[in-house]
Amino acid sequence: MMTTTVTFLVGGLGLSGVPPLAGFFSKDAILEAAWNAGHPSIWFLLLVGAFMTAFYTFRVIFLSFFGGPRMSHEVAHHVHESPPVMTVPLIVLSVLTIVAGLAVGIPSSHGTAFERFLAPVLPRHEAEHSSGTAFALLVVSVVFVLAGIAIAWVMYGRGEVRAERIGVPRNAIHALVLNKYYVDEIYDVLFVRPVYAASQWCASVFDAGLIDGLVNGVGRMMTGWALGMRRVQTGFVMNYALAMLLGAVAVVALLLARR
């Protein structure tokens, strides 16, 4: 899978901000802007982010494309390059990663070509620091990126990595990161379980007891009323005649009572 390997490596280098790829120029511009704006703490956090990006990107590269296969021979036998519908876009993106930074990202006394292009909308502000400061910031960012790549190589690229050891915590900090700072567990305790318990109560008590009780009570009431009315319909003519006689007597009695 040489095409996939090369294009993935180019993308990883660009994502990590290795010069002279496009990611290097964009990352350096952000770091320089944070420093020039007077926010050294933000600049340092961005620098740590660049270090971590380089580390985890090359962790993937070393584990995926370097070293011996960690799969069975049967599975390895079926590994093959992707079709052109997938590799051609990767090649195009890799070429853009290589040339885009050189084409529009190289700084000059009038800013980069991309800054001049955006000048009508985003006016460019002259940097308050000397070119020596800008060069020092650039060197520091590159050192952090190379340090992330070097640590990834020491941990995952220098020797054989056993598959069963991947994802196994080695200390408390490693366990904290592997468990995503226990955000899912905290969310489960604070939100999922209370909502689930409330839903269970609503289903078993409120819905089954009150709502269904009202509906079933109306149904039982109508059934009892129908059973009572059914006793009137006996089907015997004598009963109907007696009912008519009693009704007539009741009407006469009512009229006599009004007099």
Protein backbone atom coordinates (compact mmCIF):
# COMPACT_ATOMS: atom_id res chain seq x y z
CA MET A 1 0.00 0.00 0.00
CA MET A 2 2.74 2.42 -1.00
CA THR A 3 0.41 5.16 -2.28
CA THR A 4 -1.59 5.16 0.92
CA THR A 5 1.58 5.11 3.02
CA VAL A 6 3.23 8.03 1.23
CA THR A 7 0.11 10.20 1.09
CA PHE A 8 -0.72 9.47 4.73
CA LEU A 9 2.84 10.37 5.71
CA VAL A 10 2.65 13.65 3.79
CA GLY A 11 -0.67 14.44 5.43
CA GLY A 12 0.74 13.58 8.86
CA LEU A 13 3.75 15.83 8.32
CA GLY A 14 1.48 18.65 7.20
CA LEU A 15 -0.90 18.17 10.12
CA SER A 16 2.04 18.19 12.53
CA GLY A 17 3.35 21.44 11.09
CA VAL A 18 6.65 20.26 9.66
CA PRO A 19 8.27 22.81 7.30
CA PRO A 20 7.82 23.55 4.47
CA LEU A 21 4.38 21.94 4.22
CA ALA A 22 1.16 23.93 4.31
CA GLY A 23 0.37 23.04 7.89
CA PHE A 24 3.64 24.58 9.03
CA PHE A 25 2.80 28.02 7.66
CA SER A 26 -0.74 28.07 9.03
CA LYS A 27 0.36 26.84 12.46
CA ASP A 28 3.25 29.31 12.61
CA ALA A 29 0.92 32.19 11.66
CA ILE A 30 -1.46 31.30 14.51
CA LEU A 31 1.36 31.01 17.05
CA GLU A 32 2.93 34.27 15.94
CA ALA A 33 -0.42 36.08 16.09
CA ALA A 34 -1.00 34.83 19.65
CA TRP A 35 2.46 36.02 20.71
CA ASN A 36 2.19 39.39 18.97
CA ALA A 37 -1.22 39.97 20.55
CA GLY A 38 0.41 39.77 23.99
CA HIS A 39 -0.97 36.39 25.06
CA PRO A 40 2.05 34.23 25.95
CA SER A 41 -0.11 31.79 27.93
CA ILE A 42 -2.32 31.14 24.89
CA TRP A 43 0.82 30.87 22.75
CA PHE A 44 2.20 28.21 25.10
CA LEU A 45 -1.06 26.24 25.12
CA LEU A 46 -1.10 26.29 21.32
CA LEU A 47 2.51 25.11 21.38
CA VAL A 48 1.57 22.20 23.64
CA GLY A 49 -1.28 21.42 21.25
CA ALA A 50 1.16 21.34 18.34
CA PHE A 51 3.39 18.96 20.30
CA MET A 52 0.50 16.63 21.11
CA THR A 53 -0.75 16.75 17.51
CA ALA A 54 2.66 15.68 16.22
CA PHE A 55 2.84 12.92 18.84
CA TYR A 56 -0.55 11.30 18.23
CA THR A 57 -0.30 11.72 14.45
CA PHE A 58 3.00 9.87 14.28
CA ARG A 59 1.78 7.33 16.78
CA VAL A 60 -0.82 6.39 14.18
CA ILE A 61 1.80 6.43 11.41
CA PHE A 62 4.29 4.24 13.27
CA LEU A 63 1.64 1.76 14.40
CA SER A 64 -0.09 1.56 11.02
CA PHE A 65 2.68 1.72 8.43
CA PHE A 66 5.92 0.73 10.17
CA GLY A 67 7.07 -2.44 11.91
CA GLY A 68 5.86 -5.96 11.36
CA PRO A 69 2.19 -6.81 10.85
CA ARG A 70 0.14 -7.54 13.95
CA MET A 71 -2.37 -9.67 12.12
CA SER A 72 -2.69 -13.23 10.95
CA HIS A 73 -1.16 -14.33 7.65
CA GLU A 74 -4.65 -14.95 6.30
CA VAL A 75 -5.70 -11.36 6.98
CA ALA A 76 -2.37 -9.95 5.74
CA HIS A 77 -2.79 -11.88 2.50
CA HIS A 78 -5.90 -9.83 1.66
CA VAL A 79 -4.32 -6.42 2.34
CA HIS A 80 -4.06 -4.43 -0.90
CA GLU A 81 -3.95 -0.89 -2.20
CA SER A 82 -7.19 1.06 -2.47
CA PRO A 83 -8.70 1.70 -5.92
CA PRO A 84 -7.96 4.96 -7.80
CA VAL A 85 -11.25 6.47 -6.69
CA MET A 86 -9.68 6.69 -3.22
CA THR A 87 -5.97 7.06 -3.96
CA VAL A 88 -6.24 9.84 -6.57
CA PRO A 89 -7.90 12.28 -4.12
CA LEU A 90 -5.20 11.40 -1.59
CA ILE A 91 -2.50 12.21 -4.13
CA VAL A 92 -4.15 15.53 -5.02
CA LEU A 93 -4.42 16.50 -1.35
CA SER A 94 -0.80 15.51 -0.75
CA VAL A 95 0.40 17.67 -3.64
CA LEU A 96 -1.62 20.61 -2.32
CA THR A 97 -0.16 20.05 1.14
CA ILE A 98 3.34 20.27 -0.34
CA VAL A 99 2.91 23.27 -2.66
CA ALA A 100 0.16 25.37 -1.05
CA GLY A 101 2.33 26.63 1.78
CA LEU A 102 5.19 27.50 -0.55
CA ALA A 103 2.80 29.26 -2.93
CA VAL A 104 0.85 31.46 -0.51
CA GLY A 105 2.41 31.08 2.94
CA ILE A 106 6.00 32.34 2.64
CA PRO A 107 6.22 35.59 4.61
CA SER A 108 7.74 38.79 3.25
CA SER A 109 7.97 42.44 4.24
CA HIS A 110 4.42 42.88 2.92
CA GLY A 111 3.07 39.75 4.55
CA THR A 112 2.23 36.46 2.90
CA ALA A 113 0.39 36.17 -0.38
CA PHE A 114 -2.63 34.90 1.49
CA GLU A 115 -2.55 37.90 3.86
CA ARG A 116 -2.40 40.28 0.90
CA PHE A 117 -5.33 38.42 -0.66
CA LEU A 118 -7.40 38.87 2.52
CA ALA A 119 -6.26 42.47 3.13
CA PRO A 120 -9.50 44.08 1.76
CA VAL A 121 -11.52 42.15 4.36
CA LEU A 122 -8.97 41.53 7.12
CA PRO A 123 -6.48 44.41 7.18
CA ARG A 124 -2.98 43.32 8.02
CA HIS A 125 -1.36 44.76 11.16
CA GLU A 126 2.35 45.26 11.27
CA ALA A 127 4.08 43.07 13.81
CA GLU A 128 5.47 44.85 16.84
CA HIS A 129 8.38 42.45 17.16
CA SER A 130 11.54 42.14 15.14
CA SER A 131 12.24 39.50 12.56
CA GLY A 132 14.58 37.88 15.08
CA THR A 133 11.66 37.31 17.45
CA ALA A 134 9.55 35.85 14.64
CA PHE A 135 12.41 33.52 13.70
CA ALA A 136 12.84 32.45 17.34
CA LEU A 137 9.11 31.67 17.62
CA LEU A 138 9.35 29.63 14.43
CA VAL A 139 12.32 27.64 15.75
CA VAL A 140 10.59 26.93 19.06
CA SER A 141 7.47 25.62 17.32
CA VAL A 142 9.53 23.36 15.06
CA VAL A 143 11.44 22.03 18.07
CA PHE A 144 8.18 21.16 19.84
CA VAL A 145 6.87 19.40 16.74
CA LEU A 146 10.06 17.41 16.26
CA ALA A 147 10.01 16.50 19.97
CA GLY A 148 6.50 15.08 19.58
CA ILE A 149 7.59 13.03 16.57
CA ALA A 150 10.72 11.83 18.38
CA ILE A 151 8.79 10.69 21.46
CA ALA A 152 6.27 8.88 19.27
CA TRP A 153 9.18 7.11 17.53
CA VAL A 154 10.76 6.11 20.85
CA MET A 155 7.48 4.71 22.17
CA TYR A 156 5.97 3.17 19.03
CA GLY A 157 8.46 3.16 16.16
CA ARG A 158 11.78 2.07 17.61
CA GLY A 159 10.85 -1.43 18.68
CA GLU A 160 8.10 -3.96 18.31
CA VAL A 161 4.77 -2.97 19.79
CA ARG A 162 2.59 -5.79 21.04
CA ALA A 163 -1.05 -5.50 20.15
CA GLU A 164 -2.19 -6.68 23.57
CA ARG A 165 -0.36 -3.78 25.23
CA ILE A 166 -2.09 -1.10 23.18
CA GLY A 167 -4.81 0.55 25.20
CA VAL A 168 -3.67 -0.94 28.52
CA PRO A 169 -3.06 1.79 31.13
CA ARG A 170 0.41 1.89 32.64
CA ASN A 171 -0.20 4.52 35.32
CA ALA A 172 -2.92 6.72 36.72
CA ILE A 173 -2.45 9.50 34.16
CA HIS A 174 -2.49 6.98 31.31
CA ALA A 175 -5.70 5.47 32.70
CA LEU A 176 -7.23 8.95 32.99
CA VAL A 177 -6.50 9.70 29.33
CA LEU A 178 -7.57 6.25 28.08
CA ASN A 179 -10.89 6.65 29.87
CA LYS A 180 -11.38 10.09 28.30
CA TYR A 181 -11.13 11.81 31.70
CA TYR A 182 -14.13 9.71 32.78
CA VAL A 183 -16.47 12.18 31.12
CA ASP A 184 -18.77 9.37 29.95
CA GLU A 185 -18.95 7.87 33.45
CA ILE A 186 -19.65 11.26 35.05
CA TYR A 187 -22.30 12.01 32.43
CA ASP A 188 -23.85 8.60 33.07
CA VAL A 189 -24.07 9.19 36.83
CA LEU A 190 -25.30 12.79 36.63
CA PHE A 191 -27.71 12.57 33.71
CA VAL A 192 -28.30 9.14 32.18
CA ARG A 193 -29.12 7.20 35.34
CA PRO A 194 -31.40 9.86 36.91
CA VAL A 195 -33.31 10.32 33.66
CA TYR A 196 -33.57 6.53 33.22
CA ALA A 197 -34.83 6.11 36.81
CA ALA A 198 -37.38 8.90 36.31
CA SER A 199 -38.49 7.28 33.06
CA GLN A 200 -38.88 3.91 34.79
CA TRP A 201 -40.98 5.52 37.54
CA CYS A 202 -43.15 7.31 34.99
CA ALA A 203 -43.65 4.07 33.04
CA SER A 204 -44.43 1.86 36.04
CA VAL A 205 -46.19 4.27 38.43
CA PHE A 206 -47.47 7.38 36.66
CA ASP A 207 -48.36 5.84 33.31
CA ALA A 208 -49.45 2.39 34.46
CA GLY A 209 -51.07 3.56 37.69
CA LEU A 210 -52.61 6.97 36.98
CA ILE A 211 -53.01 7.26 33.20
CA ASP A 212 -53.92 3.63 32.57
CA GLY A 213 -55.98 3.63 35.78
CA LEU A 214 -58.12 6.51 34.53
CA VAL A 215 -58.58 4.93 31.11
CA ASN A 216 -59.37 1.52 32.54
CA GLY A 217 -61.67 3.08 35.16
CA VAL A 218 -63.72 4.78 32.44
CA GLY A 219 -63.88 1.49 30.57
CA ARG A 220 -65.04 -0.41 33.67
CA MET A 221 -67.63 2.27 34.41
CA MET A 222 -69.07 2.04 30.91
CA THR A 223 -69.06 -1.75 31.11
CA GLY A 224 -70.94 -1.69 34.44
CA TRP A 225 -73.43 0.84 33.09
CA ALA A 226 -74.02 -1.34 30.02
CA LEU A 227 -74.50 -4.45 32.17
CA GLY A 228 -77.05 -2.59 34.30
CA MET A 229 -78.97 -1.32 31.28
CA ARG A 230 -78.95 -4.77 29.75
CA ARG A 231 -81.15 -6.03 32.61
CA VAL A 232 -83.93 -3.75 31.39
CA GLN A 233 -83.99 -5.44 27.97
CA THR A 234 -85.55 -8.78 29.08
CA GLY A 235 -87.35 -9.59 25.81
CA PHE A 236 -90.67 -10.33 27.59
CA VAL A 237 -93.78 -8.40 26.41
CA MET A 238 -95.38 -8.57 29.84
CA ASN A 239 -92.44 -6.79 31.38
CA TYR A 240 -92.58 -4.03 28.77
CA ALA A 241 -96.38 -3.66 29.33
CA LEU A 242 -95.83 -3.44 33.08
CA ALA A 243 -93.17 -0.79 32.55
CA MET A 244 -95.53 1.20 30.34
CA LEU A 245 -98.30 0.92 32.97
CA LEU A 246 -96.02 2.05 35.73
CA GLY A 247 -94.87 4.97 33.57
CA ALA A 248 -98.45 6.02 32.88
CA VAL A 249 -99.33 5.79 36.58
CA ALA A 250 -96.29 7.91 37.40
CA VAL A 251 -97.33 10.58 34.88
CA VAL A 252 -100.90 10.69 36.22
CA ALA A 253 -99.65 10.90 39.76
CA LEU A 254 -97.35 13.78 38.81
CA LEU A 255 -100.21 15.69 37.17
CA LEU A 256 -102.53 15.15 40.14
CA ALA A 257 -99.78 16.28 42.51
CA ARG A 258 -99.42 19.63 40.67
CA ARG A 259 -103.11 20.39 41.26
